[in-house]
Amino acid sequence: MNSMSTSFLLLSLGSLIFLITALPLAFGKVKPNRFYGVRIKLTFSNKQQWYRINKIYGWAMTFSVIAFFSVTHLMNTWQDAQYEVLNLILFVAQVMVPTLVVVFFVYRSGKEK
């Protein structure tokens, strides 16, 4: 039985931190502020936009974290250091996907006006 690679352990810790910070956003528990959440001009324009955009981001990040753990488990990349680069790519994708989802929704919101 192989032990978990150190890099995967660190990436997993980062993923869990993302999950812990994403869930309050997904459930609309974070009030508008300048430190935590998606902080762009649109989200500061009104509270409804703040909660809408941050909910989208929170759920997208939650699903990305679940996907990260699912893919690494299904592909068994967590057990071997030879997969460090692949795990890192999956981790970066986990961060990029929710960001791109929010960019898409913000762009689409601007088009609807």
C-alpha atoms as a PDB file:
ATOM      1  CA  MET A   1       0.000   0.000   0.000  1.00  0.00           C
ATOM      2  CA  ASN A   2       1.413   3.371  -1.016  1.00  0.00           C
ATOM      3  CA  SER A   3       1.319   6.329   1.290  1.00  0.00           C
ATOM      4  CA  MET A   4      -0.225   9.603   0.302  1.00  0.00           C
ATOM      5  CA  SER A   5       2.210  11.930  -1.471  1.00  0.00           C
ATOM      6  CA  THR A   6       3.204  15.042   0.464  1.00  0.00           C
ATOM      7  CA  SER A   7       2.230  17.348  -2.382  1.00  0.00           C
ATOM      8  CA  PHE A   8      -1.241  15.806  -2.555  1.00  0.00           C
ATOM      9  CA  LEU A   9      -1.618  16.216   1.194  1.00  0.00           C
ATOM     10  CA  LEU A  10      -0.776  19.926   0.904  1.00  0.00           C
ATOM     11  CA  LEU A  11      -3.083  20.402  -2.097  1.00  0.00           C
ATOM     12  CA  SER A  12      -5.840  18.628  -0.176  1.00  0.00           C
ATOM     13  CA  LEU A  13      -5.353  20.970   2.759  1.00  0.00           C
ATOM     14  CA  GLY A  14      -5.662  23.929   0.378  1.00  0.00           C
ATOM     15  CA  SER A  15      -8.785  22.391  -1.148  1.00  0.00           C
ATOM     16  CA  LEU A  16     -10.381  21.943   2.260  1.00  0.00           C
ATOM     17  CA  ILE A  17      -9.650  25.584   3.089  1.00  0.00           C
ATOM     18  CA  PHE A  18     -11.343  26.576  -0.183  1.00  0.00           C
ATOM     19  CA  LEU A  19     -14.340  24.434   0.746  1.00  0.00           C
ATOM     20  CA  ILE A  20     -14.588  25.904   4.243  1.00  0.00           C
ATOM     21  CA  THR A  21     -14.522  29.437   2.828  1.00  0.00           C
ATOM     22  CA  ALA A  22     -16.876  28.616  -0.081  1.00  0.00           C
ATOM     23  CA  LEU A  23     -19.747  27.111   1.901  1.00  0.00           C
ATOM     24  CA  PRO A  24     -20.761  30.296   3.768  1.00  0.00           C
ATOM     25  CA  LEU A  25     -20.751  32.110   0.404  1.00  0.00           C
ATOM     26  CA  ALA A  26     -22.855  29.367  -1.201  1.00  0.00           C
ATOM     27  CA  PHE A  27     -25.435  29.592   1.570  1.00  0.00           C
ATOM     28  CA  GLY A  28     -25.580  33.404   1.477  1.00  0.00           C
ATOM     29  CA  LYS A  29     -24.175  33.833   4.992  1.00  0.00           C
ATOM     30  CA  VAL A  30     -21.507  36.427   4.165  1.00  0.00           C
ATOM     31  CA  LYS A  31     -22.650  40.043   4.263  1.00  0.00           C
ATOM     32  CA  PRO A  32     -21.129  42.548   1.833  1.00  0.00           C
ATOM     33  CA  ASN A  33     -17.618  43.434   2.966  1.00  0.00           C
ATOM     34  CA  ARG A  34     -14.231  44.382   1.551  1.00  0.00           C
ATOM     35  CA  PHE A  35     -12.295  41.295   2.728  1.00  0.00           C
ATOM     36  CA  TYR A  36     -14.140  38.050   1.957  1.00  0.00           C
ATOM     37  CA  GLY A  37     -16.099  37.029  -1.123  1.00  0.00           C
ATOM     38  CA  VAL A  38     -16.219  38.164  -4.733  1.00  0.00           C
ATOM     39  CA  ARG A  39     -15.392  41.851  -4.457  1.00  0.00           C
ATOM     40  CA  ILE A  40     -16.010  43.626  -7.744  1.00  0.00           C
ATOM     41  CA  LYS A  41     -17.876  46.764  -8.740  1.00  0.00           C
ATOM     42  CA  LEU A  42     -21.038  44.799  -9.541  1.00  0.00           C
ATOM     43  CA  THR A  43     -21.176  43.051  -6.158  1.00  0.00           C
ATOM     44  CA  PHE A  44     -20.756  46.362  -4.356  1.00  0.00           C
ATOM     45  CA  SER A  45     -23.506  47.990  -6.459  1.00  0.00           C
ATOM     46  CA  ASN A  46     -26.266  46.388  -4.373  1.00  0.00           C
ATOM     47  CA  LYS A  47     -26.831  43.624  -1.836  1.00  0.00           C
ATOM     48  CA  GLN A  48     -28.828  41.451  -4.230  1.00  0.00           C
ATOM     49  CA  GLN A  49     -25.886  41.300  -6.648  1.00  0.00           C
ATOM     50  CA  TRP A  50     -23.481  40.589  -3.777  1.00  0.00           C
ATOM     51  CA  TYR A  51     -25.435  37.566  -2.614  1.00  0.00           C
ATOM     52  CA  ARG A  52     -26.185  36.329  -6.151  1.00  0.00           C
ATOM     53  CA  ILE A  53     -22.584  36.435  -7.412  1.00  0.00           C
ATOM     54  CA  ASN A  54     -21.097  35.088  -4.183  1.00  0.00           C
ATOM     55  CA  LYS A  55     -23.642  32.255  -4.101  1.00  0.00           C
ATOM     56  CA  ILE A  56     -22.667  31.294  -7.648  1.00  0.00           C
ATOM     57  CA  TYR A  57     -18.978  31.411  -6.738  1.00  0.00           C
ATOM     58  CA  GLY A  58     -19.502  29.481  -3.498  1.00  0.00           C
ATOM     59  CA  TRP A  59     -21.366  26.644  -5.203  1.00  0.00           C
ATOM     60  CA  ALA A  60     -18.933  26.556  -8.133  1.00  0.00           C
ATOM     61  CA  MET A  61     -15.998  26.301  -5.709  1.00  0.00           C
ATOM     62  CA  THR A  62     -17.783  23.613  -3.684  1.00  0.00           C
ATOM     63  CA  PHE A  63     -18.359  21.510  -6.787  1.00  0.00           C
ATOM     64  CA  SER A  64     -14.770  22.117  -7.931  1.00  0.00           C
ATOM     65  CA  VAL A  65     -13.405  20.830  -4.633  1.00  0.00           C
ATOM     66  CA  ILE A  66     -15.643  17.757  -4.862  1.00  0.00           C
ATOM     67  CA  ALA A  67     -14.474  17.222  -8.452  1.00  0.00           C
ATOM     68  CA  PHE A  68     -10.809  17.547  -7.385  1.00  0.00           C
ATOM     69  CA  PHE A  69     -11.166  14.846  -4.750  1.00  0.00           C
ATOM     70  CA  SER A  70     -13.310  12.643  -7.007  1.00  0.00           C
ATOM     71  CA  VAL A  71     -10.918  12.770  -9.959  1.00  0.00           C
ATOM     72  CA  THR A  72      -7.810  12.220  -7.854  1.00  0.00           C
ATOM     73  CA  HIS A  73      -9.496   9.302  -6.113  1.00  0.00           C
ATOM     74  CA  LEU A  74     -10.793   7.698  -9.321  1.00  0.00           C
ATOM     75  CA  MET A  75      -7.434   8.105 -11.066  1.00  0.00           C
ATOM     76  CA  ASN A  76      -5.453   7.123  -7.944  1.00  0.00           C
ATOM     77  CA  THR A  77      -3.197  10.152  -8.384  1.00  0.00           C
ATOM     78  CA  TRP A  78      -3.167  10.796  -4.638  1.00  0.00           C
ATOM     79  CA  GLN A  79      -1.033   7.751  -3.867  1.00  0.00           C
ATOM     80  CA  ASP A  80       2.067   8.388  -5.920  1.00  0.00           C
ATOM     81  CA  ALA A  81       4.483  11.301  -6.146  1.00  0.00           C
ATOM     82  CA  GLN A  82       4.845  10.715  -9.896  1.00  0.00           C
ATOM     83  CA  TYR A  83       1.447  12.411 -10.319  1.00  0.00           C
ATOM     84  CA  GLU A  84       2.448  15.649  -8.594  1.00  0.00           C
ATOM     85  CA  VAL A  85       2.166  17.717 -11.784  1.00  0.00           C
ATOM     86  CA  LEU A  86      -1.264  16.281 -12.615  1.00  0.00           C
ATOM     87  CA  ASN A  87      -2.477  16.944  -9.075  1.00  0.00           C
ATOM     88  CA  LEU A  88      -1.197  20.505  -9.318  1.00  0.00           C
ATOM     89  CA  ILE A  89      -2.996  20.996 -12.649  1.00  0.00           C
ATOM     90  CA  LEU A  90      -6.214  19.673 -11.103  1.00  0.00           C
ATOM     91  CA  PHE A  91      -5.748  22.009  -8.142  1.00  0.00           C
ATOM     92  CA  VAL A  92      -5.252  25.038 -10.403  1.00  0.00           C
ATOM     93  CA  ALA A  93      -8.330  24.013 -12.414  1.00  0.00           C
ATOM     94  CA  GLN A  94     -10.232  23.811  -9.149  1.00  0.00           C
ATOM     95  CA  VAL A  95      -9.435  27.485  -8.553  1.00  0.00           C
ATOM     96  CA  MET A  96      -9.902  28.658 -12.147  1.00  0.00           C
ATOM     97  CA  VAL A  97     -13.268  27.038 -12.889  1.00  0.00           C
ATOM     98  CA  PRO A  98     -15.270  28.934 -10.225  1.00  0.00           C
ATOM     99  CA  THR A  99     -13.562  32.164 -11.246  1.00  0.00           C
ATOM    100  CA  LEU A 100     -14.467  31.609 -14.902  1.00  0.00           C
ATOM    101  CA  VAL A 101     -18.036  30.692 -13.938  1.00  0.00           C
ATOM    102  CA  VAL A 102     -18.406  34.015 -12.109  1.00  0.00           C
ATOM    103  CA  VAL A 103     -16.834  35.923 -15.012  1.00  0.00           C
ATOM    104  CA  PHE A 104     -19.350  34.249 -17.351  1.00  0.00           C
ATOM    105  CA  PHE A 105     -22.323  35.169 -15.146  1.00  0.00           C
ATOM    106  CA  VAL A 106     -21.121  38.744 -14.653  1.00  0.00           C
ATOM    107  CA  TYR A 107     -20.565  39.119 -18.404  1.00  0.00           C
ATOM    108  CA  ARG A 108     -23.994  37.640 -19.111  1.00  0.00           C
ATOM    109  CA  SER A 109     -25.585  39.988 -16.565  1.00  0.00           C
ATOM    110  CA  GLY A 110     -24.072  42.944 -18.402  1.00  0.00           C
ATOM    111  CA  LYS A 111     -25.417  41.678 -21.743  1.00  0.00           C
ATOM    112  CA  GLU A 112     -28.985  41.401 -20.388  1.00  0.00           C
ATOM    113  CA  LYS A 113     -29.184  45.100 -19.518  1.00  0.00           C
END
